[in-house]
Amino acid sequence: MASRRFQLQGEVERGGVERAVKRLTVDEEVAGMRERALVLKEKLKASVRSGGSSYKALDELAKYLKTE
């Protein structure tokens, strides 16, 4: 996790600091979720392409069902 430094001038209200910390935490979590979702999206796309693992499994099932 990246470390960020902030310099504050003047008075800061507790609620303002709390909101800022929550926002930063949520923003970092959301960014991580998006990144993981994109990685998963690419893996899923690869698995259903011709020659992908899901494609091969479905093809094998279809061949099996045709022989029965």
N, C-alpha and C. Protein backbone atom coordinates (compact mmCIF):
# COMPACT_ATOMS: atom_id res chain seq x y z
N MET A 1 0.84 -1.16 0.00
CA MET A 1 0.00 0.00 0.00
C MET A 1 0.89 1.23 0.00
N ALA A 2 0.56 2.18 -0.86
CA ALA A 2 1.37 3.39 -0.98
C ALA A 2 1.14 4.31 0.22
N SER A 3 2.20 4.92 0.64
CA SER A 3 2.13 5.85 1.77
C SER A 3 1.97 7.26 1.22
N ARG A 4 1.06 8.00 1.80
CA ARG A 4 0.85 9.39 1.37
C ARG A 4 1.10 10.31 2.55
N ARG A 5 1.69 11.46 2.28
CA ARG A 5 1.93 12.45 3.33
C ARG A 5 1.09 13.67 3.04
N PHE A 6 0.50 14.19 4.09
CA PHE A 6 -0.31 15.40 3.97
C PHE A 6 0.19 16.42 4.98
N GLN A 7 0.21 17.66 4.55
CA GLN A 7 0.59 18.72 5.47
C GLN A 7 -0.64 19.60 5.66
N LEU A 8 -1.05 19.75 6.90
CA LEU A 8 -2.24 20.53 7.20
C LEU A 8 -1.84 21.86 7.81
N GLN A 9 -2.56 22.89 7.41
CA GLN A 9 -2.31 24.21 7.98
C GLN A 9 -3.59 24.68 8.65
N GLY A 10 -3.47 25.31 9.77
CA GLY A 10 -4.63 25.81 10.49
C GLY A 10 -5.32 24.71 11.27
N GLU A 11 -6.52 25.03 11.73
CA GLU A 11 -7.28 24.07 12.53
C GLU A 11 -8.03 23.09 11.62
N VAL A 12 -8.11 21.87 12.09
CA VAL A 12 -8.82 20.84 11.34
C VAL A 12 -9.82 20.20 12.29
N GLU A 13 -11.04 20.07 11.82
CA GLU A 13 -12.07 19.43 12.64
C GLU A 13 -11.92 17.92 12.58
N ARG A 14 -12.25 17.29 13.69
CA ARG A 14 -12.14 15.83 13.78
C ARG A 14 -12.97 15.15 12.69
N GLY A 15 -14.18 15.63 12.48
CA GLY A 15 -15.05 15.04 11.46
C GLY A 15 -14.45 15.15 10.07
N GLY A 16 -13.79 16.26 9.80
CA GLY A 16 -13.16 16.44 8.49
C GLY A 16 -12.04 15.46 8.27
N VAL A 17 -11.24 15.24 9.30
CA VAL A 17 -10.15 14.27 9.21
C VAL A 17 -10.72 12.87 9.02
N GLU A 18 -11.75 12.55 9.80
CA GLU A 18 -12.37 11.22 9.71
C GLU A 18 -12.92 10.98 8.30
N ARG A 19 -13.60 11.97 7.74
CA ARG A 19 -14.15 11.82 6.38
C ARG A 19 -13.03 11.64 5.35
N ALA A 20 -11.95 12.40 5.51
CA ALA A 20 -10.83 12.30 4.57
C ALA A 20 -10.19 10.92 4.63
N VAL A 21 -9.99 10.41 5.83
CA VAL A 21 -9.38 9.08 5.99
C VAL A 21 -10.28 8.01 5.39
N LYS A 22 -11.58 8.08 5.67
CA LYS A 22 -12.51 7.11 5.10
C LYS A 22 -12.51 7.17 3.58
N ARG A 23 -12.48 8.39 3.05
CA ARG A 23 -12.50 8.55 1.59
C ARG A 23 -11.24 7.95 0.96
N LEU A 24 -10.10 8.20 1.56
CA LEU A 24 -8.85 7.63 1.04
C LEU A 24 -8.87 6.11 1.11
N THR A 25 -9.35 5.57 2.21
CA THR A 25 -9.41 4.12 2.38
C THR A 25 -10.33 3.51 1.34
N VAL A 26 -11.50 4.09 1.17
CA VAL A 26 -12.47 3.57 0.20
C VAL A 26 -11.91 3.70 -1.21
N ASP A 27 -11.31 4.84 -1.53
CA ASP A 27 -10.75 5.04 -2.87
C ASP A 27 -9.69 3.98 -3.18
N GLU A 28 -8.82 3.68 -2.20
CA GLU A 28 -7.78 2.67 -2.42
C GLU A 28 -8.40 1.28 -2.57
N GLU A 29 -9.42 0.99 -1.77
CA GLU A 29 -10.09 -0.30 -1.87
C GLU A 29 -10.76 -0.45 -3.23
N VAL A 30 -11.43 0.61 -3.67
CA VAL A 30 -12.12 0.57 -4.96
C VAL A 30 -11.12 0.38 -6.09
N ALA A 31 -10.00 1.07 -6.02
CA ALA A 31 -8.98 0.93 -7.06
C ALA A 31 -8.47 -0.51 -7.10
N GLY A 32 -8.24 -1.10 -5.94
CA GLY A 32 -7.79 -2.49 -5.88
C GLY A 32 -8.83 -3.44 -6.43
N MET A 33 -10.10 -3.18 -6.10
CA MET A 33 -11.19 -4.03 -6.61
C MET A 33 -11.28 -3.94 -8.12
N ARG A 34 -11.16 -2.74 -8.65
CA ARG A 34 -11.22 -2.57 -10.11
C ARG A 34 -10.08 -3.31 -10.79
N GLU A 35 -8.89 -3.19 -10.22
CA GLU A 35 -7.72 -3.85 -10.80
C GLU A 35 -7.91 -5.37 -10.80
N ARG A 36 -8.37 -5.92 -9.67
CA ARG A 36 -8.60 -7.37 -9.59
C ARG A 36 -9.71 -7.80 -10.54
N ALA A 37 -10.74 -6.97 -10.70
CA ALA A 37 -11.84 -7.29 -11.61
C ALA A 37 -11.34 -7.33 -13.05
N LEU A 38 -10.47 -6.42 -13.42
CA LEU A 38 -9.93 -6.42 -14.78
C LEU A 38 -9.07 -7.65 -15.05
N VAL A 39 -8.29 -8.06 -14.05
CA VAL A 39 -7.47 -9.27 -14.19
C VAL A 39 -8.38 -10.48 -14.37
N LEU A 40 -9.43 -10.56 -13.55
CA LEU A 40 -10.37 -11.67 -13.64
C LEU A 40 -11.09 -11.67 -14.98
N LYS A 41 -11.45 -10.49 -15.46
CA LYS A 41 -12.12 -10.37 -16.77
C LYS A 41 -11.25 -10.97 -17.87
N GLU A 42 -9.97 -10.65 -17.86
CA GLU A 42 -9.07 -11.18 -18.88
C GLU A 42 -8.92 -12.70 -18.77
N LYS A 43 -8.86 -13.21 -17.54
CA LYS A 43 -8.76 -14.66 -17.35
C LYS A 43 -10.01 -15.36 -17.86
N LEU A 44 -11.17 -14.76 -17.58
CA LEU A 44 -12.43 -15.35 -18.05
C LEU A 44 -12.51 -15.33 -19.57
N LYS A 45 -12.11 -14.21 -20.16
CA LYS A 45 -12.14 -14.12 -21.62
C LYS A 45 -11.23 -15.19 -22.24
N ALA A 46 -10.07 -15.40 -21.64
CA ALA A 46 -9.13 -16.40 -22.16
C ALA A 46 -9.70 -17.80 -22.01
N SER A 47 -10.44 -18.05 -20.94
CA SER A 47 -10.95 -19.41 -20.71
C SER A 47 -12.06 -19.79 -21.68
N VAL A 48 -12.80 -18.82 -22.20
CA VAL A 48 -13.90 -19.14 -23.11
C VAL A 48 -13.50 -19.02 -24.58
N ARG A 49 -12.32 -18.54 -24.86
CA ARG A 49 -11.83 -18.50 -26.24
C ARG A 49 -11.58 -19.92 -26.73
N SER A 50 -11.57 -20.07 -28.03
CA SER A 50 -11.25 -21.37 -28.61
C SER A 50 -9.89 -21.81 -28.09
N GLY A 51 -9.85 -22.99 -27.46
CA GLY A 51 -8.61 -23.48 -26.87
C GLY A 51 -8.48 -23.16 -25.40
N GLY A 52 -9.37 -22.31 -24.87
CA GLY A 52 -9.33 -21.98 -23.44
C GLY A 52 -9.87 -23.13 -22.61
N SER A 53 -9.64 -23.09 -21.30
CA SER A 53 -10.01 -24.21 -20.43
C SER A 53 -11.52 -24.46 -20.41
N SER A 54 -12.33 -23.43 -20.33
CA SER A 54 -13.79 -23.62 -20.32
C SER A 54 -14.27 -24.10 -21.69
N TYR A 55 -13.70 -23.55 -22.73
CA TYR A 55 -14.06 -23.97 -24.08
C TYR A 55 -13.75 -25.45 -24.27
N LYS A 56 -12.57 -25.87 -23.84
CA LYS A 56 -12.18 -27.28 -23.98
C LYS A 56 -13.11 -28.18 -23.17
N ALA A 57 -13.44 -27.77 -21.94
CA ALA A 57 -14.31 -28.59 -21.09
C ALA A 57 -15.69 -28.74 -21.71
N LEU A 58 -16.25 -27.67 -22.24
CA LEU A 58 -17.56 -27.74 -22.87
C LEU A 58 -17.50 -28.57 -24.14
N ASP A 59 -16.43 -28.45 -24.89
CA ASP A 59 -16.24 -29.24 -26.10
C ASP A 59 -16.18 -30.73 -25.76
N GLU A 60 -15.44 -31.08 -24.72
CA GLU A 60 -15.35 -32.48 -24.28
C GLU A 60 -16.72 -33.00 -23.84
N LEU A 61 -17.49 -32.18 -23.13
CA LEU A 61 -18.82 -32.58 -22.70
C LEU A 61 -19.72 -32.83 -23.91
N ALA A 62 -19.66 -31.95 -24.89
CA ALA A 62 -20.48 -32.11 -26.10
C ALA A 62 -20.10 -33.40 -26.83
N LYS A 63 -18.81 -33.68 -26.93
CA LYS A 63 -18.37 -34.92 -27.58
C LYS A 63 -18.86 -36.14 -26.82
N TYR A 64 -18.79 -36.09 -25.50
CA TYR A 64 -19.25 -37.20 -24.66
C TYR A 64 -20.75 -37.42 -24.85
N LEU A 65 -21.51 -36.34 -24.85
CA LEU A 65 -22.96 -36.47 -25.00
C LEU A 65 -23.35 -37.01 -26.37
N LYS A 66 -22.58 -36.69 -27.39
CA LYS A 66 -22.86 -37.19 -28.74
C LYS A 66 -22.62 -38.70 -28.83
N THR A 67 -21.69 -39.22 -28.06
CA THR A 67 -21.36 -40.65 -28.13
C THR A 67 -22.32 -41.50 -27.31
N GLU A 68 -23.07 -40.91 -26.42
CA GLU A 68 -23.99 -41.68 -25.56
C GLU A 68 -25.32 -41.88 -26.23
